[in-house]
Amino acid sequence: RLSKDKGEGDLGAATASMESMKGKKSSVSSTLAGTGAAALSGPV
């Protein structure tokens, strides 16, 4: 109730908060803000 962000914040904010809590750079943080499908060489 006291927070402006009530759980609908974007992934970038969530990633920054996660790294702040962990106290170090996340090993996968460079990809957390983006999304995309993988180009698969064959059928899944």
PDB file of all heavy atoms in Angstrom:
ATOM      1  N   ARG A   1       0.833  -1.215   0.000  1.00  0.00           N
ATOM      2  CA  ARG A   1       0.000   0.000   0.000  1.00  0.00           C
ATOM      3  C   ARG A   1       0.863   1.258   0.000  1.00  0.00           C
ATOM      4  O   ARG A   1       0.482   2.281  -0.573  1.00  0.00           O
ATOM      5  CB  ARG A   1      -0.934   0.004   1.207  1.00  0.00           C
ATOM      6  CG  ARG A   1      -2.068  -1.012   1.090  1.00  0.00           C
ATOM      7  CD  ARG A   1      -2.966  -0.967   2.324  1.00  0.00           C
ATOM      8  NE  ARG A   1      -3.701   0.288   2.418  1.00  0.00           N
ATOM      9  CZ  ARG A   1      -4.876   0.519   1.845  1.00  0.00           C
ATOM     10  NH1 ARG A   1      -5.451  -0.434   1.129  1.00  0.00           N
ATOM     11  NH2 ARG A   1      -5.489   1.670   1.997  1.00  0.00           N
ATOM     12  N   LEU A   2       2.030   1.192   0.649  1.00  0.00           N
ATOM     13  CA  LEU A   2       2.912   2.359   0.703  1.00  0.00           C
ATOM     14  C   LEU A   2       3.742   2.519  -0.561  1.00  0.00           C
ATOM     15  O   LEU A   2       4.338   3.569  -0.790  1.00  0.00           O
ATOM     16  CB  LEU A   2       3.851   2.258   1.914  1.00  0.00           C
ATOM     17  CG  LEU A   2       3.184   2.346   3.290  1.00  0.00           C
ATOM     18  CD1 LEU A   2       4.222   2.152   4.389  1.00  0.00           C
ATOM     19  CD2 LEU A   2       2.461   3.683   3.460  1.00  0.00           C
ATOM     20  N   SER A   3       3.788   1.459  -1.382  1.00  0.00           N
ATOM     21  CA  SER A   3       4.645   1.470  -2.562  1.00  0.00           C
ATOM     22  C   SER A   3       3.854   1.873  -3.792  1.00  0.00           C
ATOM     23  O   SER A   3       2.693   1.502  -3.955  1.00  0.00           O
ATOM     24  CB  SER A   3       5.249   0.082  -2.764  1.00  0.00           C
ATOM     25  OG  SER A   3       5.955   0.031  -3.987  1.00  0.00           O
ATOM     26  N   LYS A   4       4.505   2.632  -4.669  1.00  0.00           N
ATOM     27  CA  LYS A   4       3.871   2.974  -5.934  1.00  0.00           C
ATOM     28  C   LYS A   4       3.806   1.751  -6.847  1.00  0.00           C
ATOM     29  O   LYS A   4       2.869   1.587  -7.616  1.00  0.00           O
ATOM     30  CB  LYS A   4       4.655   4.086  -6.627  1.00  0.00           C
ATOM     31  CG  LYS A   4       4.609   5.419  -5.885  1.00  0.00           C
ATOM     32  CD  LYS A   4       5.387   6.473  -6.644  1.00  0.00           C
ATOM     33  CE  LYS A   4       5.350   7.818  -5.912  1.00  0.00           C
ATOM     34  NZ  LYS A   4       6.115   8.863  -6.639  1.00  0.00           N
ATOM     35  N   ASP A   5       4.823   0.922  -6.768  1.00  0.00           N
ATOM     36  CA  ASP A   5       4.848  -0.307  -7.553  1.00  0.00           C
ATOM     37  C   ASP A   5       4.225  -1.418  -6.724  1.00  0.00           C
ATOM     38  O   ASP A   5       4.792  -1.867  -5.741  1.00  0.00           O
ATOM     39  CB  ASP A   5       6.297  -0.665  -7.915  1.00  0.00           C
ATOM     40  CG  ASP A   5       6.405  -2.009  -8.634  1.00  0.00           C
ATOM     41  OD1 ASP A   5       5.357  -2.540  -9.038  1.00  0.00           O
ATOM     42  OD2 ASP A   5       7.534  -2.509  -8.768  1.00  0.00           O
ATOM     43  N   LYS A   6       3.052  -1.863  -7.118  1.00  0.00           N
ATOM     44  CA  LYS A   6       2.323  -2.874  -6.351  1.00  0.00           C
ATOM     45  C   LYS A   6       2.437  -4.265  -6.987  1.00  0.00           C
ATOM     46  O   LYS A   6       1.576  -5.101  -6.826  1.00  0.00           O
ATOM     47  CB  LYS A   6       0.853  -2.470  -6.221  1.00  0.00           C
ATOM     48  CG  LYS A   6       0.669  -1.187  -5.417  1.00  0.00           C
ATOM     49  CD  LYS A   6      -0.764  -0.798  -5.341  1.00  0.00           C
ATOM     50  CE  LYS A   6      -1.039   0.383  -4.434  1.00  0.00           C
ATOM     51  NZ  LYS A   6       0.050   1.266  -4.131  1.00  0.00           N
ATOM     52  N   GLY A   7       3.527  -4.454  -7.689  1.00  0.00           N
ATOM     53  CA  GLY A   7       3.745  -5.779  -8.254  1.00  0.00           C
ATOM     54  C   GLY A   7       3.597  -5.840  -9.748  1.00  0.00           C
ATOM     55  O   GLY A   7       3.760  -6.890 -10.340  1.00  0.00           O
ATOM     56  N   GLU A   8       3.339  -4.671 -10.389  1.00  0.00           N
ATOM     57  CA  GLU A   8       3.184  -4.698 -11.826  1.00  0.00           C
ATOM     58  C   GLU A   8       4.388  -4.079 -12.527  1.00  0.00           C
ATOM     59  O   GLU A   8       4.353  -3.799 -13.710  1.00  0.00           O
ATOM     60  CB  GLU A   8       1.896  -3.960 -12.241  1.00  0.00           C
ATOM     61  CG  GLU A   8       1.969  -2.429 -12.227  1.00  0.00           C
ATOM     62  CD  GLU A   8       1.762  -1.842 -10.838  1.00  0.00           C
ATOM     63  OE1 GLU A   8       1.926  -2.568  -9.855  1.00  0.00           O
ATOM     64  OE2 GLU A   8       1.441  -0.644 -10.752  1.00  0.00           O
ATOM     65  N   GLY A   9       5.483  -3.861 -11.784  1.00  0.00           N
ATOM     66  CA  GLY A   9       6.675  -3.240 -12.348  1.00  0.00           C
ATOM     67  C   GLY A   9       7.266  -4.049 -13.485  1.00  0.00           C
ATOM     68  O   GLY A   9       7.076  -5.244 -13.594  1.00  0.00           O
ATOM     69  N   ASP A  10       8.035  -3.348 -14.357  1.00  0.00           N
ATOM     70  CA  ASP A  10       8.591  -4.050 -15.510  1.00  0.00           C
ATOM     71  C   ASP A  10       9.777  -4.918 -15.099  1.00  0.00           C
ATOM     72  O   ASP A  10      10.269  -4.865 -13.980  1.00  0.00           O
ATOM     73  CB  ASP A  10       8.982  -3.053 -16.608  1.00  0.00           C
ATOM     74  CG  ASP A  10      10.054  -2.066 -16.142  1.00  0.00           C
ATOM     75  OD1 ASP A  10      10.779  -2.389 -15.178  1.00  0.00           O
ATOM     76  OD2 ASP A  10      10.163  -0.990 -16.757  1.00  0.00           O
ATOM     77  N   LEU A  11      10.241  -5.704 -16.045  1.00  0.00           N
ATOM     78  CA  LEU A  11      11.294  -6.666 -15.744  1.00  0.00           C
ATOM     79  C   LEU A  11      12.609  -5.978 -15.441  1.00  0.00           C
ATOM     80  O   LEU A  11      13.393  -6.458 -14.619  1.00  0.00           O
ATOM     81  CB  LEU A  11      11.476  -7.629 -16.925  1.00  0.00           C
ATOM     82  CG  LEU A  11      12.528  -8.712 -16.746  1.00  0.00           C
ATOM     83  CD1 LEU A  11      12.184  -9.601 -15.572  1.00  0.00           C
ATOM     84  CD2 LEU A  11      12.656  -9.533 -18.015  1.00  0.00           C
ATOM     85  N   GLY A  12      12.865  -4.843 -16.109  1.00  0.00           N
ATOM     86  CA  GLY A  12      14.104  -4.130 -15.836  1.00  0.00           C
ATOM     87  C   GLY A  12      14.201  -3.719 -14.378  1.00  0.00           C
ATOM     88  O   GLY A  12      15.248  -3.850 -13.744  1.00  0.00           O
ATOM     89  N   ALA A  13      13.090  -3.186 -13.819  1.00  0.00           N
ATOM     90  CA  ALA A  13      13.087  -2.798 -12.409  1.00  0.00           C
ATOM     91  C   ALA A  13      13.259  -4.014 -11.510  1.00  0.00           C
ATOM     92  O   ALA A  13      13.976  -3.972 -10.507  1.00  0.00           O
ATOM     93  CB  ALA A  13      11.782  -2.074 -12.076  1.00  0.00           C
ATOM     94  N   ALA A  14      12.596  -5.111 -11.869  1.00  0.00           N
ATOM     95  CA  ALA A  14      12.724  -6.327 -11.065  1.00  0.00           C
ATOM     96  C   ALA A  14      14.148  -6.862 -11.102  1.00  0.00           C
ATOM     97  O   ALA A  14      14.680  -7.337 -10.098  1.00  0.00           O
ATOM     98  CB  ALA A  14      11.750  -7.388 -11.575  1.00  0.00           C
ATOM     99  N   THR A  15      14.785  -6.773 -12.263  1.00  0.00           N
ATOM    100  CA  THR A  15      16.163  -7.251 -12.383  1.00  0.00           C
ATOM    101  C   THR A  15      17.100  -6.411 -11.537  1.00  0.00           C
ATOM    102  O   THR A  15      17.976  -6.935 -10.831  1.00  0.00           O
ATOM    103  CB  THR A  15      16.617  -7.199 -13.848  1.00  0.00           C
ATOM    104  OG1 THR A  15      15.718  -7.976 -14.637  1.00  0.00           O
ATOM    105  CG2 THR A  15      18.026  -7.742 -14.006  1.00  0.00           C
ATOM    106  N   ALA A  16      16.929  -5.067 -11.592  1.00  0.00           N
ATOM    107  CA  ALA A  16      17.775  -4.189 -10.792  1.00  0.00           C
ATOM    108  C   ALA A  16      17.592  -4.456  -9.305  1.00  0.00           C
ATOM    109  O   ALA A  16      18.548  -4.473  -8.529  1.00  0.00           O
ATOM    110  CB  ALA A  16      17.452  -2.729 -11.109  1.00  0.00           C
ATOM    111  N   SER A  17      16.340  -4.665  -8.902  1.00  0.00           N
ATOM    112  CA  SER A  17      16.072  -4.954  -7.494  1.00  0.00           C
ATOM    113  C   SER A  17      16.690  -6.293  -7.084  1.00  0.00           C
ATOM    114  O   SER A  17      17.238  -6.435  -5.995  1.00  0.00           O
ATOM    115  CB  SER A  17      14.553  -4.993  -7.246  1.00  0.00           C
ATOM    116  OG  SER A  17      13.969  -3.747  -7.511  1.00  0.00           O
ATOM    117  N   MET A  18      16.599  -7.274  -7.970  1.00  0.00           N
ATOM    118  CA  MET A  18      17.183  -8.579  -7.657  1.00  0.00           C
ATOM    119  C   MET A  18      18.681  -8.465  -7.461  1.00  0.00           C
ATOM    120  O   MET A  18      19.249  -9.018  -6.521  1.00  0.00           O
ATOM    121  CB  MET A  18      16.883  -9.567  -8.778  1.00  0.00           C
ATOM    122  CG  MET A  18      17.475 -10.958  -8.581  1.00  0.00           C
ATOM    123  SD  MET A  18      17.419 -11.991 -10.053  1.00  0.00           S
ATOM    124  CE  MET A  18      18.630 -11.133 -11.075  1.00  0.00           C
ATOM    125  N   GLU A  19      19.348  -7.706  -8.348  1.00  0.00           N
ATOM    126  CA  GLU A  19      20.794  -7.567  -8.234  1.00  0.00           C
ATOM    127  C   GLU A  19      21.173  -6.766  -6.998  1.00  0.00           C
ATOM    128  O   GLU A  19      22.196  -7.037  -6.363  1.00  0.00           O
ATOM    129  CB  GLU A  19      21.351  -6.907  -9.483  1.00  0.00           C
ATOM    130  CG  GLU A  19      21.252  -7.800 -10.711  1.00  0.00           C
ATOM    131  CD  GLU A  19      21.887  -7.173 -11.934  1.00  0.00           C
ATOM    132  OE1 GLU A  19      21.973  -5.936 -11.984  1.00  0.00           O
ATOM    133  OE2 GLU A  19      22.291  -7.931 -12.819  1.00  0.00           O
ATOM    134  N   SER A  20      20.331  -5.800  -6.639  1.00  0.00           N
ATOM    135  CA  SER A  20      20.586  -5.047  -5.415  1.00  0.00           C
ATOM    136  C   SER A  20      20.498  -5.943  -4.200  1.00  0.00           C
ATOM    137  O   SER A  20      21.303  -5.858  -3.269  1.00  0.00           O
ATOM    138  CB  SER A  20      19.575  -3.893  -5.303  1.00  0.00           C
ATOM    139  OG  SER A  20      19.727  -3.231  -4.069  1.00  0.00           O
ATOM    140  N   MET A  21      19.516  -6.835  -4.191  1.00  0.00           N
ATOM    141  CA  MET A  21      19.344  -7.755  -3.075  1.00  0.00           C
ATOM    142  C   MET A  21      20.491  -8.757  -3.008  1.00  0.00           C
ATOM    143  O   MET A  21      20.987  -9.083  -1.933  1.00  0.00           O
ATOM    144  CB  MET A  21      18.022  -8.499  -3.216  1.00  0.00           C
ATOM    145  CG  MET A  21      17.713  -9.467  -2.095  1.00  0.00           C
ATOM    146  SD  MET A  21      16.160 -10.330  -2.354  1.00  0.00           S
ATOM    147  CE  MET A  21      16.522 -11.278  -3.808  1.00  0.00           C
ATOM    148  N   LYS A  22      20.948  -9.224  -4.186  1.00  0.00           N
ATOM    149  CA  LYS A  22      22.025 -10.196  -4.218  1.00  0.00           C
ATOM    150  C   LYS A  22      23.373  -9.567  -3.916  1.00  0.00           C
ATOM    151  O   LYS A  22      24.301 -10.247  -3.472  1.00  0.00           O
ATOM    152  CB  LYS A  22      22.095 -10.853  -5.606  1.00  0.00           C
ATOM    153  CG  LYS A  22      20.924 -11.761  -5.908  1.00  0.00           C
ATOM    154  CD  LYS A  22      20.912 -12.222  -7.345  1.00  0.00           C
ATOM    155  CE  LYS A  22      22.102 -13.082  -7.655  1.00  0.00           C
ATOM    156  NZ  LYS A  22      22.040 -13.620  -9.034  1.00  0.00           N
ATOM    157  N   GLY A  23      23.504  -8.252  -4.168  1.00  0.00           N
ATOM    158  CA  GLY A  23      24.751  -7.573  -3.886  1.00  0.00           C
ATOM    159  C   GLY A  23      25.816  -7.816  -4.942  1.00  0.00           C
ATOM    160  O   GLY A  23      26.992  -7.561  -4.708  1.00  0.00           O
ATOM    161  N   LYS A  24      25.441  -8.321  -6.117  1.00  0.00           N
ATOM    162  CA  LYS A  24      26.399  -8.553  -7.185  1.00  0.00           C
ATOM    163  C   LYS A  24      25.646  -8.622  -8.505  1.00  0.00           C
ATOM    164  O   LYS A  24      24.430  -8.748  -8.541  1.00  0.00           O
ATOM    165  CB  LYS A  24      27.172  -9.854  -6.970  1.00  0.00           C
ATOM    166  CG  LYS A  24      26.306 -11.101  -6.988  1.00  0.00           C
ATOM    167  CD  LYS A  24      27.157 -12.342  -6.835  1.00  0.00           C
ATOM    168  CE  LYS A  24      26.289 -13.586  -6.897  1.00  0.00           C
ATOM    169  NZ  LYS A  24      27.088 -14.818  -6.791  1.00  0.00           N
ATOM    170  N   LYS A  25      26.415  -8.531  -9.580  1.00  0.00           N
ATOM    171  CA  LYS A  25      25.840  -8.614 -10.911  1.00  0.00           C
ATOM    172  C   LYS A  25      25.307 -10.006 -11.174  1.00  0.00           C
ATOM    173  O   LYS A  25      25.967 -11.002 -10.908  1.00  0.00           O
ATOM    174  CB  LYS A  25      26.915  -8.282 -11.953  1.00  0.00           C
ATOM    175  CG  LYS A  25      26.406  -8.223 -13.378  1.00  0.00           C
ATOM    176  CD  LYS A  25      25.656  -6.949 -13.642  1.00  0.00           C
ATOM    177  CE  LYS A  25      25.329  -6.809 -15.124  1.00  0.00           C
ATOM    178  NZ  LYS A  25      24.517  -5.629 -15.394  1.00  0.00           N
ATOM    179  N   SER A  26      24.105 -10.098 -11.694  1.00  0.00           N
ATOM    180  CA  SER A  26      23.549 -11.406 -12.027  1.00  0.00           C
ATOM    181  C   SER A  26      24.246 -11.966 -13.254  1.00  0.00           C
ATOM    182  O   SER A  26      24.567 -11.247 -14.188  1.00  0.00           O
ATOM    183  CB  SER A  26      22.046 -11.294 -12.301  1.00  0.00           C
ATOM    184  OG  SER A  26      21.551 -12.482 -12.857  1.00  0.00           O
ATOM    185  N   SER A  27      24.475 -13.270 -13.258  1.00  0.00           N
ATOM    186  CA  SER A  27      25.157 -13.905 -14.386  1.00  0.00           C
ATOM    187  C   SER A  27      24.324 -13.882 -15.656  1.00  0.00           C
ATOM    188  O   SER A  27      24.845 -14.113 -16.738  1.00  0.00           O
ATOM    189  CB  SER A  27      25.512 -15.354 -14.036  1.00  0.00           C
ATOM    190  OG  SER A  27      24.344 -16.092 -13.762  1.00  0.00           O
ATOM    191  N   VAL A  28      23.034 -13.611 -15.538  1.00  0.00           N
ATOM    192  CA  VAL A  28      22.180 -13.594 -16.727  1.00  0.00           C
ATOM    193  C   VAL A  28      21.471 -12.259 -16.884  1.00  0.00           C
ATOM    194  O   VAL A  28      20.524 -12.149 -17.640  1.00  0.00           O
ATOM    195  CB  VAL A  28      21.134 -14.733 -16.662  1.00  0.00           C
ATOM    196  CG1 VAL A  28      21.813 -16.076 -16.728  1.00  0.00           C
ATOM    197  CG2 VAL A  28      20.286 -14.641 -15.407  1.00  0.00           C
ATOM    198  N   SER A  29      21.939 -11.214 -16.192  1.00  0.00           N
ATOM    199  CA  SER A  29      21.200  -9.950 -16.173  1.00  0.00           C
ATOM    200  C   SER A  29      21.178  -9.271 -17.537  1.00  0.00           C
ATOM    201  O   SER A  29      20.256  -8.515 -17.843  1.00  0.00           O
ATOM    202  CB  SER A  29      21.813  -9.002 -15.137  1.00  0.00           C
ATOM    203  OG  SER A  29      23.162  -8.709 -15.483  1.00  0.00           O
ATOM    204  N   SER A  30      22.187  -9.528 -18.373  1.00  0.00           N
ATOM    205  CA  SER A  30      22.225  -8.854 -19.671  1.00  0.00           C
ATOM    206  C   SER A  30      21.069  -9.251 -20.564  1.00  0.00           C
ATOM    207  O   SER A  30      20.776  -8.578 -21.541  1.00  0.00           O
ATOM    208  CB  SER A  30      23.543  -9.173 -20.380  1.00  0.00           C
ATOM    209  OG  SER A  30      23.642 -10.568 -20.607  1.00  0.00           O
ATOM    210  N   THR A  31      20.420 -10.344 -20.246  1.00  0.00           N
ATOM    211  CA  THR A  31      19.329 -10.826 -21.106  1.00  0.00           C
ATOM    212  C   THR A  31      17.975 -10.722 -20.445  1.00  0.00           C
ATOM    213  O   THR A  31      16.967 -11.037 -21.064  1.00  0.00           O
ATOM    214  CB  THR A  31      19.562 -12.290 -21.484  1.00  0.00           C
ATOM    215  OG1 THR A  31      19.552 -13.071 -20.310  1.00  0.00           O
ATOM    216  CG2 THR A  31      20.884 -12.468 -22.189  1.00  0.00           C
ATOM    217  N   LEU A  32      17.927 -10.290 -19.191  1.00  0.00           N
ATOM    218  CA  LEU A  32      16.649 -10.306 -18.482  1.00  0.00           C
ATOM    219  C   LEU A  32      15.677  -9.270 -19.004  1.00  0.00           C
ATOM    220  O   LEU A  32      14.468  -9.452 -18.922  1.00  0.00           O
ATOM    221  CB  LEU A  32      16.874 -10.095 -16.987  1.00  0.00           C
ATOM    222  CG  LEU A  32      17.652 -11.207 -16.270  1.00  0.00           C
ATOM    223  CD1 LEU A  32      17.716 -10.919 -14.792  1.00  0.00           C
ATOM    224  CD2 LEU A  32      17.025 -12.551 -16.527  1.00  0.00           C
ATOM    225  N   ALA A  33      16.182  -8.148 -19.518  1.00  0.00           N
ATOM    226  CA  ALA A  33      15.281  -7.087 -19.957  1.00  0.00           C
ATOM    227  C   ALA A  33      14.687  -7.345 -21.332  1.00  0.00           C
ATOM    228  O   ALA A  33      13.721  -6.721 -21.717  1.00  0.00           O
ATOM    229  CB  ALA A  33      16.022  -5.749 -19.983  1.00  0.00           C
ATOM    230  N   GLY A  34      15.260  -8.247 -22.076  1.00  0.00           N
ATOM    231  CA  GLY A  34      14.762  -8.521 -23.412  1.00  0.00           C
ATOM    232  C   GLY A  34      14.125  -9.885 -23.494  1.00  0.00           C
ATOM    233  O   GLY A  34      14.341 -10.738 -22.673  1.00  0.00           O
ATOM    234  N   THR A  35      13.322 -10.072 -24.514  1.00  0.00           N
ATOM    235  CA  THR A  35      12.707 -11.373 -24.739  1.00  0.00           C
ATOM    236  C   THR A  35      12.864 -11.731 -26.186  1.00  0.00           C
ATOM    237  O   THR A  35      13.094 -10.896 -27.042  1.00  0.00           O
ATOM    238  CB  THR A  35      11.210 -11.356 -24.385  1.00  0.00           C
ATOM    239  OG1 THR A  35      10.569 -10.395 -25.225  1.00  0.00           O
ATOM    240  CG2 THR A  35      10.975 -10.986 -22.944  1.00  0.00           C
ATOM    241  N   GLY A  36      12.686 -12.973 -26.477  1.00  0.00           N
ATOM    242  CA  GLY A  36      12.756 -13.395 -27.857  1.00  0.00           C
ATOM    243  C   GLY A  36      12.773 -14.885 -27.967  1.00  0.00           C
ATOM    244  O   GLY A  36      13.160 -15.588 -27.066  1.00  0.00           O
ATOM    245  N   ALA A  37      12.375 -15.358 -29.121  1.00  0.00           N
ATOM    246  CA  ALA A  37      12.371 -16.786 -29.355  1.00  0.00           C
ATOM    247  C   ALA A  37      13.711 -17.227 -29.872  1.00  0.00           C
ATOM    248  O   ALA A  37      14.455 -16.474 -30.461  1.00  0.00           O
ATOM    249  CB  ALA A  37      11.269 -17.142 -30.359  1.00  0.00           C
ATOM    250  N   ALA A  38      14.031 -18.454 -29.653  1.00  0.00           N
ATOM    251  CA  ALA A  38      15.288 -19.001 -30.136  1.00  0.00           C
ATOM    252  C   ALA A  38      15.133 -19.478 -31.566  1.00  0.00           C
ATOM    253  O   ALA A  38      14.129 -20.057 -31.938  1.00  0.00           O
ATOM    254  CB  ALA A  38      15.724 -20.157 -29.254  1.00  0.00           C
ATOM    255  N   ALA A  39      16.162 -19.212 -32.379  1.00  0.00           N
ATOM    256  CA  ALA A  39      16.146 -19.702 -33.749  1.00  0.00           C
ATOM    257  C   ALA A  39      16.608 -21.149 -33.724  1.00  0.00           C
ATOM    258  O   ALA A  39      17.786 -21.427 -33.590  1.00  0.00           O
ATOM    259  CB  ALA A  39      17.064 -18.849 -34.618  1.00  0.00           C
ATOM    260  N   LEU A  40      15.677 -22.043 -33.852  1.00  0.00           N
ATOM    261  CA  LEU A  40      15.977 -23.462 -33.737  1.00  0.00           C
ATOM    262  C   LEU A  40      16.334 -24.027 -35.102  1.00  0.00           C
ATOM    263  O   LEU A  40      15.705 -23.696 -36.109  1.00  0.00           O
ATOM    264  CB  LEU A  40      14.773 -24.196 -33.149  1.00  0.00           C
ATOM    265  CG  LEU A  40      14.401 -23.738 -31.731  1.00  0.00           C
ATOM    266  CD1 LEU A  40      12.975 -24.127 -31.413  1.00  0.00           C
ATOM    267  CD2 LEU A  40      15.353 -24.337 -30.719  1.00  0.00           C
ATOM    268  N   SER A  41      17.348 -24.883 -35.130  1.00  0.00           N
ATOM    269  CA  SER A  41      17.817 -25.425 -36.396  1.00  0.00           C
ATOM    270  C   SER A  41      16.908 -26.530 -36.929  1.00  0.00           C
ATOM    271  O   SER A  41      17.022 -26.924 -38.080  1.00  0.00           O
ATOM    272  CB  SER A  41      19.230 -25.977 -36.227  1.00  0.00           C
ATOM    273  OG  SER A  41      19.246 -26.981 -35.229  1.00  0.00           O
ATOM    274  N   GLY A  42      16.026 -27.031 -36.107  1.00  0.00           N
ATOM    275  CA  GLY A  42      15.126 -28.093 -36.523  1.00  0.00           C
ATOM    276  C   GLY A  42      13.856 -28.054 -35.702  1.00  0.00           C
ATOM    277  O   GLY A  42      13.674 -27.192 -34.842  1.00  0.00           O
ATOM    278  N   PRO A  43      12.955 -28.987 -35.925  1.00  0.00           N
ATOM    279  CA  PRO A  43      11.704 -28.993 -35.168  1.00  0.00           C
ATOM    280  C   PRO A  43      11.925 -29.292 -33.698  1.00  0.00           C
ATOM    281  O   PRO A  43      12.871 -29.976 -33.315  1.00  0.00           O
ATOM    282  CB  PRO A  43      10.897 -30.114 -35.848  1.00  0.00           C
ATOM    283  CG  PRO A  43      11.927 -30.987 -36.486  1.00  0.00           C
ATOM    284  CD  PRO A  43      13.027 -30.066 -36.911  1.00  0.00           C
ATOM    285  N   VAL A  44      11.058 -28.745 -32.872  1.00  0.00           N
ATOM    286  CA  VAL A  44      11.123 -28.963 -31.425  1.00  0.00           C
ATOM    287  C   VAL A  44      10.335 -30.215 -31.072  1.00  0.00           C
ATOM    288  O   VAL A  44       9.157 -30.324 -31.410  1.00  0.00           O
ATOM    289  CB  VAL A  44      10.555 -27.752 -30.663  1.00  0.00           C
ATOM    290  CG1 VAL A  44      10.518 -28.032 -29.162  1.00  0.00           C
ATOM    291  CG2 VAL A  44      11.392 -26.515 -30.942  1.00  0.00           C
TER     292      VAL A  44
END
